[in-house]
Amino acid sequence: MFVGHALWASWAYLPGKGSPWNGGAPYLGSLFVAGLILGALDPVDLWPGPAGLYLGQALAMGAQVFFGLAPKSGEPLPFRFLFLVSLTLAAVFGAAVPDCVRIWIKYVLRLREG
């Protein structure tokens, strides 16, 4: 959760970026890398890393809206949370990479054993 919150909150301080979803590929890339790292740290399950990233971003976004620090937009808060799910898919793909590598290594080792 901390990583997601830190990504969301720090993005507002980058010049000319406004909201993280205006950041485009750099923000999606940072979510992918965060998911990759969190996926490598948890070899058992895929979902905790991306779920924590989503919750951290959602808490940061909700706090910004609650305290009036968020940029003004016409979308209601529930729609923002739904859109945040689509952004967090980059973290899901990142977290899936270590699992795919583990599966591939097991497959190759099984082939070598005969």
Protein backbone atom coordinates (compact mmCIF):
# COMPACT_ATOMS: atom_id res chain seq x y z
CA MET A 1 0.00 0.00 0.00
CA PHE A 2 2.83 2.35 0.85
CA VAL A 3 4.35 2.03 -2.63
CA GLY A 4 1.03 2.82 -4.35
CA HIS A 5 0.45 5.80 -2.08
CA ALA A 6 3.98 7.08 -2.66
CA LEU A 7 3.65 6.75 -6.44
CA TRP A 8 0.36 8.62 -6.51
CA ALA A 9 1.34 11.35 -4.07
CA SER A 10 4.75 12.02 -5.59
CA TRP A 11 3.36 12.28 -9.12
CA ALA A 12 1.53 15.49 -8.21
CA TYR A 13 4.86 17.19 -7.49
CA LEU A 14 6.36 16.54 -10.92
CA PRO A 15 6.16 19.66 -13.07
CA GLY A 16 3.35 19.72 -15.60
CA LYS A 17 1.87 16.34 -14.67
CA GLY A 18 -1.22 17.17 -12.59
CA SER A 19 -2.92 13.82 -12.01
CA PRO A 20 -1.08 10.52 -12.40
CA TRP A 21 -3.45 9.37 -15.14
CA ASN A 22 -2.23 12.33 -17.18
CA GLY A 23 1.30 10.96 -16.86
CA GLY A 24 0.88 8.35 -19.58
CA ALA A 25 3.63 5.83 -20.19
CA PRO A 26 6.00 6.95 -17.40
CA TYR A 27 3.34 6.40 -14.73
CA LEU A 28 2.27 3.08 -16.24
CA GLY A 29 5.93 2.09 -16.44
CA SER A 30 6.47 2.90 -12.78
CA LEU A 31 3.41 0.80 -11.88
CA PHE A 32 4.75 -2.06 -14.04
CA VAL A 33 8.15 -1.93 -12.32
CA ALA A 34 6.54 -1.72 -8.86
CA GLY A 35 4.38 -4.74 -9.72
CA LEU A 36 7.44 -6.58 -11.02
CA ILE A 37 9.36 -5.98 -7.79
CA LEU A 38 6.41 -6.85 -5.56
CA GLY A 39 5.69 -9.96 -7.64
CA ALA A 40 9.30 -11.09 -7.24
CA LEU A 41 9.10 -10.57 -3.48
CA ASP A 42 5.99 -12.78 -3.14
CA PRO A 43 6.57 -16.04 -5.02
CA VAL A 44 3.33 -17.63 -3.81
CA ASP A 45 0.52 -15.29 -4.87
CA LEU A 46 0.08 -12.87 -7.75
CA TRP A 47 -2.58 -10.54 -6.37
CA PRO A 48 -1.24 -9.02 -3.08
CA GLY A 49 1.26 -6.67 -4.75
CA PRO A 50 -1.15 -5.13 -7.29
CA ALA A 51 -3.95 -5.06 -4.71
CA GLY A 52 -1.71 -3.14 -2.32
CA LEU A 53 -0.71 -0.75 -5.09
CA TYR A 54 -4.37 -0.14 -5.93
CA LEU A 55 -5.33 0.45 -2.29
CA GLY A 56 -2.43 2.84 -1.76
CA GLN A 57 -3.31 4.84 -4.86
CA ALA A 58 -7.01 4.85 -3.94
CA LEU A 59 -6.25 6.09 -0.42
CA ALA A 60 -3.98 8.84 -1.76
CA MET A 61 -6.56 9.89 -4.35
CA GLY A 62 -9.38 9.82 -1.80
CA ALA A 63 -7.33 11.89 0.65
CA GLN A 64 -6.52 14.44 -2.06
CA VAL A 65 -10.20 14.75 -2.96
CA PHE A 66 -11.26 14.90 0.71
CA PHE A 67 -8.76 17.63 1.57
CA GLY A 68 -9.37 19.56 -1.67
CA LEU A 69 -5.87 19.00 -3.05
CA ALA A 70 -6.91 17.06 -6.16
CA PRO A 71 -7.13 18.82 -9.52
CA LYS A 72 -10.71 19.69 -10.41
CA SER A 73 -12.40 17.28 -12.78
CA GLY A 74 -15.97 16.42 -13.63
CA GLU A 75 -15.76 12.71 -12.80
CA PRO A 76 -17.44 11.50 -9.62
CA LEU A 77 -15.15 9.76 -7.16
CA PRO A 78 -16.54 6.22 -7.81
CA PHE A 79 -15.68 6.57 -11.51
CA ARG A 80 -12.16 7.66 -10.58
CA PHE A 81 -11.77 4.50 -8.49
CA LEU A 82 -12.96 2.41 -11.44
CA PHE A 83 -10.51 4.12 -13.78
CA LEU A 84 -7.77 3.47 -11.25
CA VAL A 85 -8.41 -0.26 -11.72
CA SER A 86 -7.45 0.06 -15.38
CA LEU A 87 -4.23 1.86 -14.45
CA THR A 88 -3.34 -0.81 -11.92
CA LEU A 89 -3.49 -3.49 -14.63
CA ALA A 90 0.08 -2.43 -15.49
CA ALA A 91 1.10 -3.59 -12.01
CA VAL A 92 -0.75 -6.89 -12.52
CA PHE A 93 1.20 -7.50 -15.72
CA GLY A 94 4.43 -6.61 -13.92
CA ALA A 95 3.64 -8.96 -11.04
CA ALA A 96 2.89 -11.76 -13.52
CA VAL A 97 6.37 -11.63 -15.07
CA PRO A 98 8.21 -13.29 -12.15
CA ASP A 99 5.54 -16.01 -12.00
CA CYS A 100 5.89 -16.65 -15.74
CA VAL A 101 9.67 -16.85 -15.38
CA ARG A 102 9.33 -19.32 -12.50
CA ILE A 103 6.95 -21.50 -14.50
CA TRP A 104 9.24 -21.38 -17.53
CA ILE A 105 12.30 -22.36 -15.45
CA LYS A 106 10.41 -25.31 -13.95
CA TYR A 107 9.35 -26.39 -17.43
CA VAL A 108 12.90 -26.18 -18.81
CA LEU A 109 14.30 -28.11 -15.85
CA ARG A 110 11.66 -30.78 -16.28
CA LEU A 111 12.56 -31.09 -19.96
CA ARG A 112 16.24 -31.49 -19.14
CA GLU A 113 15.51 -34.22 -16.60
CA GLY A 114 13.78 -36.18 -19.31
